[in-house]
Amino acid sequence: HHRYLADDSIEQTLERADYSLIFFYSETCQYCQIFNPTFDYVSVLFNTPDASSWEKPLSTKLPFQVLKTNGNSESRLTQLFLVASFPTLKLLNYNTMEIISYNYNDRELATVMGFIADNVPQAVPNYDNFRSPVVDFSSTTAEGILAQPATLIVFITSYLKDWKEYQYPTHFFQQLAAGDKFSGVKFGVVDVSESTSDIVTSFRVSTYPSLMYVGENGSFKTWKTQSQSHLTNDQLAEAEIVLFLADL
């Protein structure tokens, strides 16, 4: 969904849109890596999902596009946009050649979306570009959960940094849900900080993140729902989920 901006195609790429949001990154920058999932989601919302259309001439200019460039290897771009550190976000108004710098203290999704809305009112996010295969069961009752055979549920809460962005298409849980390896399994989450149902008490869940798989006839299997290991209570890696599913 995001398009790469290179030194040898600056004019051809930037002239395609009235406004371009450009993410300058470095491969060795840890803050760039942290921001990557948010940026990828912004790209999904604003760029066309058809990558082949990017190579075709446009009959009309796009109102807005999202671009990414390696600030170390694309030195001409870095100089043109006066980039001194990474990560850096720059917004170009192609018609006036005005460059607007993103100077907020954080790079959270809401802040980036607000920056775009304030400076490019005609940029409209298309939430249909990404349809999440992960179901939110936070308001579903325990009885309703048990009526969902072949369903994997992760219990999460708002303070878990590794799960704050689970709804982004680049999060490993979204990719597991969209992949073919477990195509017969429905993937879901219960955010206990937002849940108003009886799920947590009914299944005696006291640790987050943790797993539950719902089988046939109301059977279920849990993992880490009552873990006592304080060193790993807040961790749940992709490999652990894969092993849990493989062991069913």
C-alpha atoms as a PDB file:
ATOM      1  CA  HIS A   1       0.000   0.000   0.000  1.00  0.00           C
ATOM      2  CA  HIS A   2       2.849   2.438   0.570  1.00  0.00           C
ATOM      3  CA  ARG A   3       4.909   3.554  -2.379  1.00  0.00           C
ATOM      4  CA  TYR A   4       8.667   3.998  -2.269  1.00  0.00           C
ATOM      5  CA  LEU A   5      10.112   7.383  -3.224  1.00  0.00           C
ATOM      6  CA  ALA A   6      13.590   7.212  -4.782  1.00  0.00           C
ATOM      7  CA  ASP A   7      16.141   9.800  -5.849  1.00  0.00           C
ATOM      8  CA  ASP A   8      15.788   8.778  -9.502  1.00  0.00           C
ATOM      9  CA  SER A   9      11.997   9.230  -9.615  1.00  0.00           C
ATOM     10  CA  ILE A  10      11.337  12.313  -7.501  1.00  0.00           C
ATOM     11  CA  GLU A  11       9.480  14.376 -10.091  1.00  0.00           C
ATOM     12  CA  GLN A  12       7.506  11.478 -11.588  1.00  0.00           C
ATOM     13  CA  THR A  13       6.319  10.354  -8.160  1.00  0.00           C
ATOM     14  CA  LEU A  14       5.552  13.683  -6.508  1.00  0.00           C
ATOM     15  CA  GLU A  15       3.690  15.148  -9.491  1.00  0.00           C
ATOM     16  CA  ARG A  16       1.047  12.426  -9.156  1.00  0.00           C
ATOM     17  CA  ALA A  17      -0.587  14.124  -6.148  1.00  0.00           C
ATOM     18  CA  ASP A  18      -1.425  17.565  -4.821  1.00  0.00           C
ATOM     19  CA  TYR A  19      -0.064  16.528  -1.422  1.00  0.00           C
ATOM     20  CA  SER A  20       2.463  13.861  -0.463  1.00  0.00           C
ATOM     21  CA  LEU A  21       3.188  12.650   3.056  1.00  0.00           C
ATOM     22  CA  ILE A  22       6.753  11.308   3.107  1.00  0.00           C
ATOM     23  CA  PHE A  23       8.252   9.101   5.805  1.00  0.00           C
ATOM     24  CA  PHE A  24      12.054   9.328   5.951  1.00  0.00           C
ATOM     25  CA  TYR A  25      13.462   6.311   7.755  1.00  0.00           C
ATOM     26  CA  SER A  26      16.713   4.532   8.489  1.00  0.00           C
ATOM     27  CA  GLU A  27      17.006   0.749   8.600  1.00  0.00           C
ATOM     28  CA  THR A  28      19.001   0.935  11.845  1.00  0.00           C
ATOM     29  CA  CYS A  29      16.640   3.366  13.597  1.00  0.00           C
ATOM     30  CA  GLN A  30      14.657   1.654  16.367  1.00  0.00           C
ATOM     31  CA  TYR A  31      12.136   4.506  16.500  1.00  0.00           C
ATOM     32  CA  CYS A  32      11.488   4.035  12.782  1.00  0.00           C
ATOM     33  CA  GLN A  33      10.767   0.362  13.429  1.00  0.00           C
ATOM     34  CA  ILE A  34       8.344   1.290  16.207  1.00  0.00           C
ATOM     35  CA  PHE A  35       6.558   3.737  13.898  1.00  0.00           C
ATOM     36  CA  ASN A  36       6.429   1.350  10.912  1.00  0.00           C
ATOM     37  CA  PRO A  37       3.113  -0.382  11.822  1.00  0.00           C
ATOM     38  CA  THR A  38       1.363   2.960  12.282  1.00  0.00           C
ATOM     39  CA  PHE A  39       2.756   4.306   9.024  1.00  0.00           C
ATOM     40  CA  ASP A  40       1.772   1.144   7.153  1.00  0.00           C
ATOM     41  CA  TYR A  41      -1.787   1.514   8.435  1.00  0.00           C
ATOM     42  CA  VAL A  42      -1.898   5.162   7.305  1.00  0.00           C
ATOM     43  CA  SER A  43      -0.684   3.998   3.887  1.00  0.00           C
ATOM     44  CA  VAL A  44      -3.443   1.402   3.707  1.00  0.00           C
ATOM     45  CA  LEU A  45      -6.088   4.003   4.530  1.00  0.00           C
ATOM     46  CA  PHE A  46      -5.016   6.579   1.949  1.00  0.00           C
ATOM     47  CA  ASN A  47      -3.264   4.756  -0.904  1.00  0.00           C
ATOM     48  CA  THR A  48      -4.956   2.641  -3.532  1.00  0.00           C
ATOM     49  CA  PRO A  49      -4.547  -1.084  -2.800  1.00  0.00           C
ATOM     50  CA  ASP A  50      -3.806  -1.761  -6.490  1.00  0.00           C
ATOM     51  CA  ALA A  51      -0.025  -1.387  -6.711  1.00  0.00           C
ATOM     52  CA  SER A  52      -0.055  -1.859 -10.500  1.00  0.00           C
ATOM     53  CA  SER A  53      -1.989   1.398 -10.906  1.00  0.00           C
ATOM     54  CA  TRP A  54       0.971   3.329  -9.503  1.00  0.00           C
ATOM     55  CA  GLU A  55       2.941   2.677 -12.661  1.00  0.00           C
ATOM     56  CA  LYS A  56       0.231   3.949 -14.995  1.00  0.00           C
ATOM     57  CA  PRO A  57      -0.204   7.589 -16.078  1.00  0.00           C
ATOM     58  CA  LEU A  58      -2.961   9.358 -14.174  1.00  0.00           C
ATOM     59  CA  SER A  59      -5.755  11.139 -16.017  1.00  0.00           C
ATOM     60  CA  THR A  60      -6.338  13.283 -12.931  1.00  0.00           C
ATOM     61  CA  LYS A  61      -3.953  14.124 -10.124  1.00  0.00           C
ATOM     62  CA  LEU A  62      -4.476  12.403  -6.785  1.00  0.00           C
ATOM     63  CA  PRO A  63      -5.444  14.676  -3.890  1.00  0.00           C
ATOM     64  CA  PHE A  64      -3.066  12.874  -1.519  1.00  0.00           C
ATOM     65  CA  GLN A  65      -0.542  10.047  -1.421  1.00  0.00           C
ATOM     66  CA  VAL A  66       1.640   8.421   1.233  1.00  0.00           C
ATOM     67  CA  LEU A  67       5.293   7.707   0.444  1.00  0.00           C
ATOM     68  CA  LYS A  68       8.294   6.159   2.138  1.00  0.00           C
ATOM     69  CA  THR A  69      12.000   6.671   1.530  1.00  0.00           C
ATOM     70  CA  ASN A  70      15.263   5.451   3.011  1.00  0.00           C
ATOM     71  CA  GLY A  71      16.898   8.638   4.227  1.00  0.00           C
ATOM     72  CA  ASN A  72      20.371   7.122   4.221  1.00  0.00           C
ATOM     73  CA  SER A  73      20.415   5.767   0.672  1.00  0.00           C
ATOM     74  CA  GLU A  74      18.277   8.487  -0.955  1.00  0.00           C
ATOM     75  CA  SER A  75      20.614  11.360  -0.084  1.00  0.00           C
ATOM     76  CA  ARG A  76      19.233  13.806  -2.649  1.00  0.00           C
ATOM     77  CA  LEU A  77      15.757  13.587  -1.141  1.00  0.00           C
ATOM     78  CA  THR A  78      17.171  13.953   2.357  1.00  0.00           C
ATOM     79  CA  GLN A  79      18.934  17.168   1.309  1.00  0.00           C
ATOM     80  CA  LEU A  80      15.945  18.563  -0.591  1.00  0.00           C
ATOM     81  CA  PHE A  81      13.643  18.122   2.398  1.00  0.00           C
ATOM     82  CA  LEU A  82      16.258  19.197   4.974  1.00  0.00           C
ATOM     83  CA  VAL A  83      16.023  15.957   6.929  1.00  0.00           C
ATOM     84  CA  ALA A  84      18.494  15.813   9.807  1.00  0.00           C
ATOM     85  CA  SER A  85      17.278  12.797  11.803  1.00  0.00           C
ATOM     86  CA  PHE A  86      15.033   9.752  11.641  1.00  0.00           C
ATOM     87  CA  PRO A  87      12.170   9.116  11.715  1.00  0.00           C
ATOM     88  CA  THR A  88      10.977  12.278   9.971  1.00  0.00           C
ATOM     89  CA  LEU A  89       7.614  13.043   8.382  1.00  0.00           C
ATOM     90  CA  LYS A  90       7.287  15.773   5.764  1.00  0.00           C
ATOM     91  CA  LEU A  91       4.172  16.926   3.930  1.00  0.00           C
ATOM     92  CA  LEU A  92       4.671  18.438   0.471  1.00  0.00           C
ATOM     93  CA  ASN A  93       2.149  20.713  -1.231  1.00  0.00           C
ATOM     94  CA  TYR A  94       3.182  20.070  -4.827  1.00  0.00           C
ATOM     95  CA  ASN A  95       1.271  23.042  -6.240  1.00  0.00           C
ATOM     96  CA  THR A  96       3.033  25.595  -4.028  1.00  0.00           C
ATOM     97  CA  MET A  97       6.130  23.509  -3.163  1.00  0.00           C
ATOM     98  CA  GLU A  98       5.523  24.282   0.506  1.00  0.00           C
ATOM     99  CA  ILE A  99       6.998  21.687   2.871  1.00  0.00           C
ATOM    100  CA  ILE A 100       5.256  21.207   6.213  1.00  0.00           C
ATOM    101  CA  SER A 101       7.179  19.392   8.936  1.00  0.00           C
ATOM    102  CA  TYR A 102       5.535  17.045  11.419  1.00  0.00           C
ATOM    103  CA  ASN A 103       6.652  18.466  14.762  1.00  0.00           C
ATOM    104  CA  TYR A 104       4.427  16.662  17.255  1.00  0.00           C
ATOM    105  CA  ASN A 105       5.909  14.919  20.283  1.00  0.00           C
ATOM    106  CA  ASP A 106       4.409  11.541  19.433  1.00  0.00           C
ATOM    107  CA  ARG A 107       3.730   9.488  16.324  1.00  0.00           C
ATOM    108  CA  GLU A 108       0.527   7.824  17.476  1.00  0.00           C
ATOM    109  CA  LEU A 109      -2.076   7.043  14.819  1.00  0.00           C
ATOM    110  CA  ALA A 110      -4.562   9.644  16.079  1.00  0.00           C
ATOM    111  CA  THR A 111      -1.911  12.376  16.028  1.00  0.00           C
ATOM    112  CA  VAL A 112      -0.734  11.530  12.509  1.00  0.00           C
ATOM    113  CA  MET A 113      -4.328  11.373  11.247  1.00  0.00           C
ATOM    114  CA  GLY A 114      -5.003  14.739  12.880  1.00  0.00           C
ATOM    115  CA  PHE A 115      -1.947  16.239  11.179  1.00  0.00           C
ATOM    116  CA  ILE A 116      -3.223  15.032   7.801  1.00  0.00           C
ATOM    117  CA  ALA A 117      -6.768  16.284   8.433  1.00  0.00           C
ATOM    118  CA  ASP A 118      -5.531  19.718   9.530  1.00  0.00           C
ATOM    119  CA  ASN A 119      -3.316  20.228   6.489  1.00  0.00           C
ATOM    120  CA  VAL A 120      -5.059  18.224   3.753  1.00  0.00           C
ATOM    121  CA  PRO A 121      -8.841  18.471   4.273  1.00  0.00           C
ATOM    122  CA  GLN A 122      -9.485  16.738   0.936  1.00  0.00           C
ATOM    123  CA  ALA A 123      -7.596  13.622   2.065  1.00  0.00           C
ATOM    124  CA  VAL A 124     -10.262  11.093   3.038  1.00  0.00           C
ATOM    125  CA  PRO A 125      -9.232   7.763   4.596  1.00  0.00           C
ATOM    126  CA  ASN A 126     -10.805   4.702   3.015  1.00  0.00           C
ATOM    127  CA  TYR A 127     -11.403   2.218   5.811  1.00  0.00           C
ATOM    128  CA  ASP A 128     -12.692  -0.317   3.278  1.00  0.00           C
ATOM    129  CA  ASN A 129      -9.101  -0.759   2.079  1.00  0.00           C
ATOM    130  CA  PHE A 130      -8.539  -3.016   5.079  1.00  0.00           C
ATOM    131  CA  ARG A 131     -11.149  -5.436   6.359  1.00  0.00           C
ATOM    132  CA  SER A 132      -9.818  -7.067   9.487  1.00  0.00           C
ATOM    133  CA  PRO A 133     -10.257 -10.847   9.740  1.00  0.00           C
ATOM    134  CA  VAL A 134     -10.021 -10.501  13.548  1.00  0.00           C
ATOM    135  CA  VAL A 135     -13.376 -10.358  15.347  1.00  0.00           C
ATOM    136  CA  ASP A 136     -13.875  -8.194  18.444  1.00  0.00           C
ATOM    137  CA  PHE A 137     -15.710 -10.329  21.007  1.00  0.00           C
ATOM    138  CA  SER A 138     -15.436  -7.784  23.835  1.00  0.00           C
ATOM    139  CA  SER A 139     -19.205  -7.350  24.120  1.00  0.00           C
ATOM    140  CA  THR A 140     -20.088 -11.005  23.497  1.00  0.00           C
ATOM    141  CA  THR A 141     -21.374 -13.076  26.412  1.00  0.00           C
ATOM    142  CA  ALA A 142     -19.657 -16.237  27.608  1.00  0.00           C
ATOM    143  CA  GLU A 143     -22.555 -18.248  26.189  1.00  0.00           C
ATOM    144  CA  GLY A 144     -22.114 -16.491  22.859  1.00  0.00           C
ATOM    145  CA  ILE A 145     -18.394 -17.265  22.865  1.00  0.00           C
ATOM    146  CA  LEU A 146     -19.021 -20.975  23.420  1.00  0.00           C
ATOM    147  CA  ALA A 147     -21.358 -20.933  20.428  1.00  0.00           C
ATOM    148  CA  GLN A 148     -18.377 -20.039  18.187  1.00  0.00           C
ATOM    149  CA  PRO A 149     -16.599 -23.366  17.485  1.00  0.00           C
ATOM    150  CA  ALA A 150     -13.078 -23.330  16.023  1.00  0.00           C
ATOM    151  CA  THR A 151     -12.399 -19.866  17.427  1.00  0.00           C
ATOM    152  CA  LEU A 152      -9.150 -18.613  18.950  1.00  0.00           C
ATOM    153  CA  ILE A 153      -9.515 -15.705  21.360  1.00  0.00           C
ATOM    154  CA  VAL A 154      -6.779 -13.533  22.823  1.00  0.00           C
ATOM    155  CA  PHE A 155      -7.619 -11.716  26.044  1.00  0.00           C
ATOM    156  CA  ILE A 156      -5.894  -8.336  26.041  1.00  0.00           C
ATOM    157  CA  THR A 157      -6.057  -5.053  27.905  1.00  0.00           C
ATOM    158  CA  SER A 158      -5.209  -1.466  27.034  1.00  0.00           C
ATOM    159  CA  TYR A 159      -1.840  -1.280  28.816  1.00  0.00           C
ATOM    160  CA  LEU A 160      -0.197  -4.046  26.740  1.00  0.00           C
ATOM    161  CA  LYS A 161       2.223  -2.284  24.391  1.00  0.00           C
ATOM    162  CA  ASP A 162       2.572  -5.287  22.054  1.00  0.00           C
ATOM    163  CA  TRP A 163      -1.202  -5.416  21.557  1.00  0.00           C
ATOM    164  CA  LYS A 164      -2.078  -1.715  21.330  1.00  0.00           C
ATOM    165  CA  GLU A 165      -1.858  -1.988  17.545  1.00  0.00           C
ATOM    166  CA  TYR A 166      -3.434  -5.403  17.029  1.00  0.00           C
ATOM    167  CA  GLN A 167      -5.998  -3.860  14.653  1.00  0.00           C
ATOM    168  CA  TYR A 168      -3.263  -2.727  12.242  1.00  0.00           C
ATOM    169  CA  PRO A 169      -2.838  -4.914   9.133  1.00  0.00           C
ATOM    170  CA  THR A 170       0.875  -5.421   9.832  1.00  0.00           C
ATOM    171  CA  HIS A 171       0.362  -6.838  13.342  1.00  0.00           C
ATOM    172  CA  PHE A 172       1.312 -10.509  13.473  1.00  0.00           C
ATOM    173  CA  PHE A 173      -2.118 -11.499  14.814  1.00  0.00           C
ATOM    174  CA  GLN A 174      -3.842  -9.941  11.796  1.00  0.00           C
ATOM    175  CA  GLN A 175      -1.427 -11.728   9.484  1.00  0.00           C
ATOM    176  CA  LEU A 176      -1.983 -15.054  11.236  1.00  0.00           C
ATOM    177  CA  ALA A 177      -5.739 -14.576  10.882  1.00  0.00           C
ATOM    178  CA  ALA A 178      -5.433 -13.701   7.191  1.00  0.00           C
ATOM    179  CA  GLY A 179      -3.003 -16.511   6.357  1.00  0.00           C
ATOM    180  CA  ASP A 180      -3.706 -19.998   5.041  1.00  0.00           C
ATOM    181  CA  LYS A 181      -1.997 -21.998   7.785  1.00  0.00           C
ATOM    182  CA  PHE A 182      -4.989 -21.807  10.143  1.00  0.00           C
ATOM    183  CA  SER A 183      -7.699 -21.072   7.597  1.00  0.00           C
ATOM    184  CA  GLY A 184     -10.232 -23.155   9.525  1.00  0.00           C
ATOM    185  CA  VAL A 185      -9.852 -21.061  12.669  1.00  0.00           C
ATOM    186  CA  LYS A 186     -11.675 -17.820  13.437  1.00  0.00           C
ATOM    187  CA  PHE A 187      -9.446 -15.295  15.230  1.00  0.00           C
ATOM    188  CA  GLY A 188     -10.796 -12.891  17.812  1.00  0.00           C
ATOM    189  CA  VAL A 189      -9.912 -10.636  20.726  1.00  0.00           C
ATOM    190  CA  VAL A 190     -11.525  -9.641  23.985  1.00  0.00           C
ATOM    191  CA  ASP A 191     -10.300  -6.295  25.298  1.00  0.00           C
ATOM    192  CA  VAL A 192     -11.104  -6.651  28.986  1.00  0.00           C
ATOM    193  CA  SER A 193     -10.621  -2.914  29.561  1.00  0.00           C
ATOM    194  CA  GLU A 194     -13.632  -2.320  27.295  1.00  0.00           C
ATOM    195  CA  SER A 195     -15.623  -5.490  27.905  1.00  0.00           C
ATOM    196  CA  THR A 196     -18.975  -5.295  29.667  1.00  0.00           C
ATOM    197  CA  SER A 197     -19.800  -8.993  29.390  1.00  0.00           C
ATOM    198  CA  ASP A 198     -19.310 -11.931  31.749  1.00  0.00           C
ATOM    199  CA  ILE A 199     -16.464 -13.456  29.730  1.00  0.00           C
ATOM    200  CA  VAL A 200     -13.611 -12.794  32.153  1.00  0.00           C
ATOM    201  CA  THR A 201     -15.405 -14.076  35.250  1.00  0.00           C
ATOM    202  CA  SER A 202     -16.966 -17.046  33.473  1.00  0.00           C
ATOM    203  CA  PHE A 203     -13.632 -18.317  32.163  1.00  0.00           C
ATOM    204  CA  ARG A 204     -11.632 -17.131  35.210  1.00  0.00           C
ATOM    205  CA  VAL A 205      -9.205 -15.059  33.191  1.00  0.00           C
ATOM    206  CA  SER A 206      -6.773 -13.095  35.354  1.00  0.00           C
ATOM    207  CA  THR A 207      -3.701 -12.724  33.123  1.00  0.00           C
ATOM    208  CA  TYR A 208      -3.317 -10.723  29.919  1.00  0.00           C
ATOM    209  CA  PRO A 209      -2.531 -11.469  27.181  1.00  0.00           C
ATOM    210  CA  SER A 210      -3.765 -15.052  27.295  1.00  0.00           C
ATOM    211  CA  LEU A 211      -5.445 -17.529  24.970  1.00  0.00           C
ATOM    212  CA  MET A 212      -8.606 -19.567  24.714  1.00  0.00           C
ATOM    213  CA  TYR A 213      -9.644 -21.908  21.931  1.00  0.00           C
ATOM    214  CA  VAL A 214     -13.318 -22.803  21.617  1.00  0.00           C
ATOM    215  CA  GLY A 215     -13.943 -26.294  20.292  1.00  0.00           C
ATOM    216  CA  GLU A 216     -17.075 -28.260  19.491  1.00  0.00           C
ATOM    217  CA  ASN A 217     -20.051 -28.633  21.854  1.00  0.00           C
ATOM    218  CA  GLY A 218     -18.940 -25.868  24.207  1.00  0.00           C
ATOM    219  CA  SER A 219     -15.496 -27.312  24.945  1.00  0.00           C
ATOM    220  CA  PHE A 220     -12.564 -24.958  25.330  1.00  0.00           C
ATOM    221  CA  LYS A 221      -8.856 -24.928  26.079  1.00  0.00           C
ATOM    222  CA  THR A 222      -7.000 -22.048  27.724  1.00  0.00           C
ATOM    223  CA  TRP A 223      -3.374 -20.994  28.046  1.00  0.00           C
ATOM    224  CA  LYS A 224      -1.805 -18.478  30.439  1.00  0.00           C
ATOM    225  CA  THR A 225      -5.223 -17.288  31.621  1.00  0.00           C
ATOM    226  CA  GLN A 226      -4.119 -17.744  35.236  1.00  0.00           C
ATOM    227  CA  SER A 227      -0.347 -17.591  34.823  1.00  0.00           C
ATOM    228  CA  GLN A 228       1.700 -16.818  37.917  1.00  0.00           C
ATOM    229  CA  SER A 229       4.921 -15.993  36.070  1.00  0.00           C
ATOM    230  CA  HIS A 230       5.287 -12.250  36.595  1.00  0.00           C
ATOM    231  CA  LEU A 231       8.295 -12.100  34.259  1.00  0.00           C
ATOM    232  CA  THR A 232       6.298 -13.238  31.220  1.00  0.00           C
ATOM    233  CA  ASN A 233       2.699 -12.399  32.136  1.00  0.00           C
ATOM    234  CA  ASP A 234       2.516  -9.482  29.693  1.00  0.00           C
ATOM    235  CA  GLN A 235       4.098 -11.342  26.767  1.00  0.00           C
ATOM    236  CA  LEU A 236       2.489 -13.419  24.044  1.00  0.00           C
ATOM    237  CA  ALA A 237       4.541 -13.960  20.905  1.00  0.00           C
ATOM    238  CA  GLU A 238       3.433 -15.202  17.507  1.00  0.00           C
ATOM    239  CA  ALA A 239       5.431 -18.420  17.949  1.00  0.00           C
ATOM    240  CA  GLU A 240       3.561 -19.200  21.169  1.00  0.00           C
ATOM    241  CA  ILE A 241       0.188 -18.791  19.464  1.00  0.00           C
ATOM    242  CA  VAL A 242       1.294 -21.034  16.587  1.00  0.00           C
ATOM    243  CA  LEU A 243       2.442 -23.727  19.036  1.00  0.00           C
ATOM    244  CA  PHE A 244      -0.829 -23.483  20.973  1.00  0.00           C
ATOM    245  CA  LEU A 245      -2.852 -23.988  17.787  1.00  0.00           C
ATOM    246  CA  ALA A 246      -0.606 -26.782  16.534  1.00  0.00           C
ATOM    247  CA  ASP A 247      -1.071 -28.645  19.823  1.00  0.00           C
ATOM    248  CA  LEU A 248      -4.867 -28.663  19.760  1.00  0.00           C
END
